[in-house]
Amino acid sequence: MAELSYKRIILKISGEGFSGAGGFGLSQDGLEGLAGQISELVHIGVEPAIVVGAGNLVRGACLSEETSVHRVTADQMGMLATVINAIALQDVLETHQIPTRVLSAIEMARICEPFIRRRAIRHLEKKRVIILAGGTGNPFFTTDTCAALRAAEIQADVLIKATKVDGVYSSDPVKDPSAKKYDRLTYREVLQNELKVMDHAAISMCRDNHIDIVVCNLMKPGTVARVAQGKRPGTLITQ
């Protein structure tokens, strides 16, 4: 079994990871790509907890700006949409023979388990992947903040934010060809320079609980496993 730098991992996956190239909804390519990355983690001995977003279905903040739906309601719709992504990913993982449990901050007894900290940790100890849905259960909090909160609760070694880019840049690399990629940053540097990584609440929570953050490209197969092995294919944010 591979030597690991991080044993228990929170993997934050945005809704875009579920939609593949289409950008909306669920795609077979997107789901299989996610399942492949997570399966690799399991096979090298990692205990993965997955926090899912739902931008492929509903973006609460955008919905409330574009319609007369109240922001609280729009955020609740977004949290419900994360459960759709979670149970889809659970099914695909189990076709790969990976035991998986979905735990939601919003109780849905007929569909998934409620998030209970001790239960989540027990599932990990039993070598089950856990998918954490429903955000924090509260409006106005991003799934990044949910990922940081859950990382602290289950005593994760690292929070991996899997995105479409190779790491953290000084500016948007799509719009600015001269954007500089950072290999390593401190929490303070991210906050002071207002780098677009995660919201400030998530960064501060990871700093206060001594949880490393790694930002990497989910679209490249094997990337997440390389992070677990300490190979740093993206940007490391630490104390």
Protein backbone atom coordinates (compact mmCIF):
# COMPACT_ATOMS: atom_id res chain seq x y z
CA MET A 1 0.00 0.00 0.00
CA ALA A 2 1.26 3.49 -0.89
CA GLU A 3 2.80 5.70 1.78
CA LEU A 4 0.36 8.46 2.67
CA SER A 5 0.91 12.05 3.73
CA TYR A 6 -2.80 12.42 4.47
CA LYS A 7 -4.93 9.56 5.80
CA ARG A 8 -8.35 11.14 6.39
CA ILE A 9 -9.40 13.53 3.66
CA ILE A 10 -12.27 15.90 3.01
CA LEU A 11 -12.68 16.16 -0.75
CA LYS A 12 -14.76 19.15 -1.80
CA ILE A 13 -16.29 18.63 -5.26
CA SER A 14 -18.16 21.45 -6.98
CA GLY A 15 -21.29 20.77 -8.97
CA GLU A 16 -19.29 21.25 -12.17
CA GLY A 17 -17.56 17.93 -11.48
CA PHE A 18 -20.88 16.12 -11.97
CA SER A 19 -21.84 17.66 -15.29
CA GLY A 20 -18.79 16.84 -17.41
CA ALA A 21 -18.30 19.09 -20.42
CA GLY A 22 -22.00 20.01 -20.57
CA GLY A 23 -21.96 22.34 -17.57
CA PHE A 24 -25.46 21.45 -16.35
CA GLY A 25 -27.13 18.38 -14.90
CA LEU A 26 -25.51 14.98 -14.43
CA SER A 27 -23.37 13.19 -16.99
CA GLN A 28 -22.03 9.65 -17.15
CA ASP A 29 -18.52 10.95 -17.90
CA GLY A 30 -18.62 13.30 -14.92
CA LEU A 31 -19.88 10.67 -12.49
CA GLU A 32 -17.45 8.00 -13.71
CA GLY A 33 -14.55 10.46 -13.50
CA LEU A 34 -15.40 11.28 -9.89
CA ALA A 35 -15.86 7.61 -9.02
CA GLY A 36 -12.48 6.79 -10.52
CA GLN A 37 -10.66 9.42 -8.45
CA ILE A 38 -12.42 8.37 -5.25
CA SER A 39 -11.80 4.66 -5.92
CA GLU A 40 -8.08 5.40 -6.21
CA LEU A 41 -8.14 7.00 -2.77
CA VAL A 42 -9.84 3.97 -1.24
CA HIS A 43 -7.41 1.54 -2.84
CA ILE A 44 -4.36 3.33 -1.42
CA GLY A 45 -5.81 3.32 2.10
CA VAL A 46 -7.29 6.82 2.40
CA GLU A 47 -10.48 7.48 4.41
CA PRO A 48 -12.39 9.84 2.07
CA ALA A 49 -15.28 12.09 3.05
CA ILE A 50 -16.81 13.89 0.08
CA VAL A 51 -18.57 17.25 0.33
CA VAL A 52 -20.62 17.95 -2.78
CA GLY A 53 -21.82 21.20 -4.27
CA ALA A 54 -24.77 21.61 -6.63
CA GLY A 55 -23.86 24.35 -9.08
CA ASN A 56 -24.72 21.94 -11.89
CA LEU A 57 -28.35 22.04 -10.74
CA VAL A 58 -29.06 25.15 -8.63
CA ARG A 59 -26.93 28.08 -7.50
CA GLY A 60 -28.81 29.64 -4.61
CA ALA A 61 -27.24 33.12 -4.74
CA CYS A 62 -27.69 33.37 -8.51
CA LEU A 63 -31.27 32.11 -8.38
CA SER A 64 -32.27 34.69 -5.80
CA GLU A 65 -30.67 37.49 -7.87
CA GLU A 66 -32.33 36.43 -11.12
CA THR A 67 -35.82 35.63 -9.79
CA SER A 68 -38.19 36.65 -7.03
CA VAL A 69 -37.26 33.55 -5.00
CA HIS A 70 -36.02 34.67 -1.57
CA ARG A 71 -32.33 34.01 -0.85
CA VAL A 72 -33.15 31.70 2.06
CA THR A 73 -35.45 29.61 -0.13
CA ALA A 74 -32.94 29.60 -2.98
CA ASP A 75 -30.19 28.36 -0.65
CA GLN A 76 -32.51 25.65 0.66
CA MET A 77 -33.12 24.55 -2.94
CA GLY A 78 -29.35 24.40 -3.46
CA MET A 79 -28.92 22.25 -0.34
CA LEU A 80 -31.59 19.85 -1.58
CA ALA A 81 -29.82 19.67 -4.94
CA THR A 82 -26.60 18.52 -3.24
CA VAL A 83 -28.53 15.45 -2.07
CA ILE A 84 -29.40 14.62 -5.70
CA ASN A 85 -25.69 14.75 -6.60
CA ALA A 86 -24.75 12.75 -3.51
CA ILE A 87 -27.11 9.82 -4.08
CA ALA A 88 -26.13 9.68 -7.77
CA LEU A 89 -22.45 9.50 -6.82
CA GLN A 90 -23.22 6.87 -4.16
CA ASP A 91 -24.84 4.61 -6.75
CA VAL A 92 -21.95 4.93 -9.18
CA LEU A 93 -19.37 4.27 -6.45
CA GLU A 94 -21.20 1.13 -5.40
CA THR A 95 -21.06 -0.17 -8.98
CA HIS A 96 -17.28 0.05 -8.41
CA GLN A 97 -17.70 -2.10 -5.27
CA ILE A 98 -16.96 0.87 -2.96
CA PRO A 99 -19.20 0.81 0.18
CA THR A 100 -20.69 4.30 0.45
CA ARG A 101 -23.03 6.18 2.78
CA VAL A 102 -24.74 9.53 2.20
CA LEU A 103 -25.16 11.71 5.30
CA SER A 104 -27.21 14.87 5.04
CA ALA A 105 -27.44 17.94 7.26
CA ILE A 106 -31.12 18.05 6.25
CA GLU A 107 -32.84 14.92 7.47
CA MET A 108 -34.34 12.73 4.72
CA ALA A 109 -34.81 9.39 6.42
CA ARG A 110 -36.14 7.59 3.32
CA ILE A 111 -33.17 8.64 1.19
CA CYS A 112 -30.07 8.97 3.36
CA GLU A 113 -28.74 9.10 6.90
CA PRO A 114 -28.64 12.25 9.03
CA PHE A 115 -25.20 13.74 9.58
CA ILE A 116 -24.06 12.70 13.06
CA ARG A 117 -20.39 13.26 13.79
CA ARG A 118 -19.76 9.97 15.59
CA ARG A 119 -21.62 8.01 12.94
CA ALA A 120 -19.60 9.67 10.18
CA ILE A 121 -16.32 8.80 11.89
CA ARG A 122 -17.49 5.21 12.46
CA HIS A 123 -18.29 4.78 8.77
CA LEU A 124 -14.78 5.97 7.90
CA GLU A 125 -13.25 3.56 10.40
CA LYS A 126 -15.23 0.77 8.73
CA LYS A 127 -13.66 1.73 5.38
CA ARG A 128 -16.80 3.24 3.91
CA VAL A 129 -16.74 6.37 1.80
CA ILE A 130 -19.06 9.03 3.19
CA ILE A 131 -20.72 11.69 1.04
CA LEU A 132 -21.79 14.74 3.01
CA ALA A 133 -24.80 16.51 1.54
CA GLY A 134 -27.19 19.29 2.51
CA GLY A 135 -24.41 21.81 3.17
CA THR A 136 -24.46 22.95 6.79
CA GLY A 137 -28.26 22.83 6.78
CA ASN A 138 -28.34 26.64 6.98
CA PRO A 139 -28.73 29.34 4.31
CA PHE A 140 -25.98 31.88 3.52
CA PHE A 141 -23.17 29.34 4.06
CA THR A 142 -21.22 28.01 1.08
CA THR A 143 -20.25 24.39 0.55
CA ASP A 144 -16.64 25.54 1.07
CA THR A 145 -17.57 26.54 4.61
CA CYS A 146 -19.40 23.24 5.02
CA ALA A 147 -16.25 21.38 3.90
CA ALA A 148 -14.09 23.26 6.42
CA LEU A 149 -16.62 22.64 9.20
CA ARG A 150 -16.87 18.92 8.46
CA ALA A 151 -13.08 18.66 8.18
CA ALA A 152 -12.79 20.03 11.72
CA GLU A 153 -15.58 17.80 13.03
CA ILE A 154 -14.20 14.51 11.69
CA GLN A 155 -10.57 15.55 12.36
CA ALA A 156 -9.49 15.38 8.73
CA ASP A 157 -5.82 15.81 7.86
CA VAL A 158 -6.47 17.91 4.77
CA LEU A 159 -9.22 19.61 2.82
CA ILE A 160 -8.80 19.09 -0.92
CA LYS A 161 -10.68 21.56 -3.06
CA ALA A 162 -10.96 19.88 -6.45
CA THR A 163 -11.57 22.42 -9.21
CA LYS A 164 -11.10 22.93 -12.96
CA VAL A 165 -7.71 24.65 -12.54
CA ASP A 166 -4.28 23.41 -11.45
CA GLY A 167 -4.07 25.48 -8.27
CA VAL A 168 -4.29 29.03 -6.94
CA TYR A 169 -3.30 31.86 -9.28
CA SER A 170 -2.63 35.54 -8.69
CA SER A 171 -5.55 36.29 -11.05
CA ASP A 172 -7.86 34.40 -13.37
CA PRO A 173 -5.52 32.42 -15.68
CA VAL A 174 -8.22 32.23 -18.37
CA LYS A 175 -8.44 36.02 -18.61
CA ASP A 176 -4.83 36.86 -17.68
CA PRO A 177 -2.08 34.85 -19.45
CA SER A 178 0.52 36.38 -17.09
CA ALA A 179 -1.24 35.05 -13.97
CA LYS A 180 1.21 33.45 -11.55
CA LYS A 181 0.51 30.01 -10.08
CA TYR A 182 1.42 29.57 -6.42
CA ASP A 183 2.87 26.27 -5.24
CA ARG A 184 2.50 27.14 -1.56
CA LEU A 185 0.68 29.82 0.44
CA THR A 186 -0.12 30.57 4.06
CA TYR A 187 -3.64 31.18 5.29
CA ARG A 188 -2.59 34.75 6.08
CA GLU A 189 -1.42 35.36 2.51
CA VAL A 190 -4.69 34.08 1.08
CA LEU A 191 -6.75 36.32 3.37
CA GLN A 192 -4.59 39.43 3.08
CA ASN A 193 -4.31 39.25 -0.73
CA GLU A 194 -7.98 38.30 -1.10
CA LEU A 195 -7.10 35.40 -3.38
CA LYS A 196 -10.14 33.68 -4.87
CA VAL A 197 -9.71 30.27 -3.27
CA MET A 198 -12.51 29.76 -0.75
CA ASP A 199 -14.61 32.14 1.29
CA HIS A 200 -12.88 33.72 4.28
CA ALA A 201 -14.92 31.77 6.83
CA ALA A 202 -13.66 28.47 5.38
CA ILE A 203 -10.03 29.62 5.28
CA SER A 204 -10.20 30.90 8.86
CA MET A 205 -11.77 27.68 10.12
CA CYS A 206 -9.02 25.58 8.52
CA ARG A 207 -6.36 27.90 9.97
CA ASP A 208 -7.84 27.72 13.47
CA ASN A 209 -8.01 23.91 13.32
CA HIS A 210 -4.60 23.38 11.64
CA ILE A 211 -6.09 21.71 8.56
CA ASP A 212 -4.07 21.95 5.36
CA ILE A 213 -5.89 22.97 2.16
CA VAL A 214 -4.82 21.74 -1.27
CA VAL A 215 -6.35 23.21 -4.43
CA CYS A 216 -5.92 20.96 -7.46
CA ASN A 217 -7.39 20.00 -10.83
CA LEU A 218 -10.11 17.37 -10.54
CA MET A 219 -10.22 16.90 -14.31
CA LYS A 220 -6.79 15.23 -14.40
CA PRO A 221 -7.02 11.52 -13.46
CA GLY A 222 -4.95 10.51 -10.44
CA THR A 223 -4.58 14.05 -9.10
CA VAL A 224 -6.37 13.52 -5.79
CA ALA A 225 -4.43 10.32 -5.02
CA ARG A 226 -1.18 12.17 -5.69
CA VAL A 227 -2.19 14.81 -3.13
CA ALA A 228 -2.82 12.08 -0.53
CA GLN A 229 0.68 10.77 -1.20
CA GLY A 230 2.20 14.22 -0.63
CA LYS A 231 3.14 14.88 -4.26
CA ARG A 232 1.39 18.27 -4.38
CA PRO A 233 0.13 18.62 -7.93
CA GLY A 234 -1.70 21.82 -6.97
CA THR A 235 -1.31 24.61 -4.39
CA LEU A 236 -0.78 23.86 -0.69
CA ILE A 237 -2.22 26.33 1.83
CA THR A 238 -0.89 25.83 5.34
CA GLN A 239 0.20 27.62 8.50
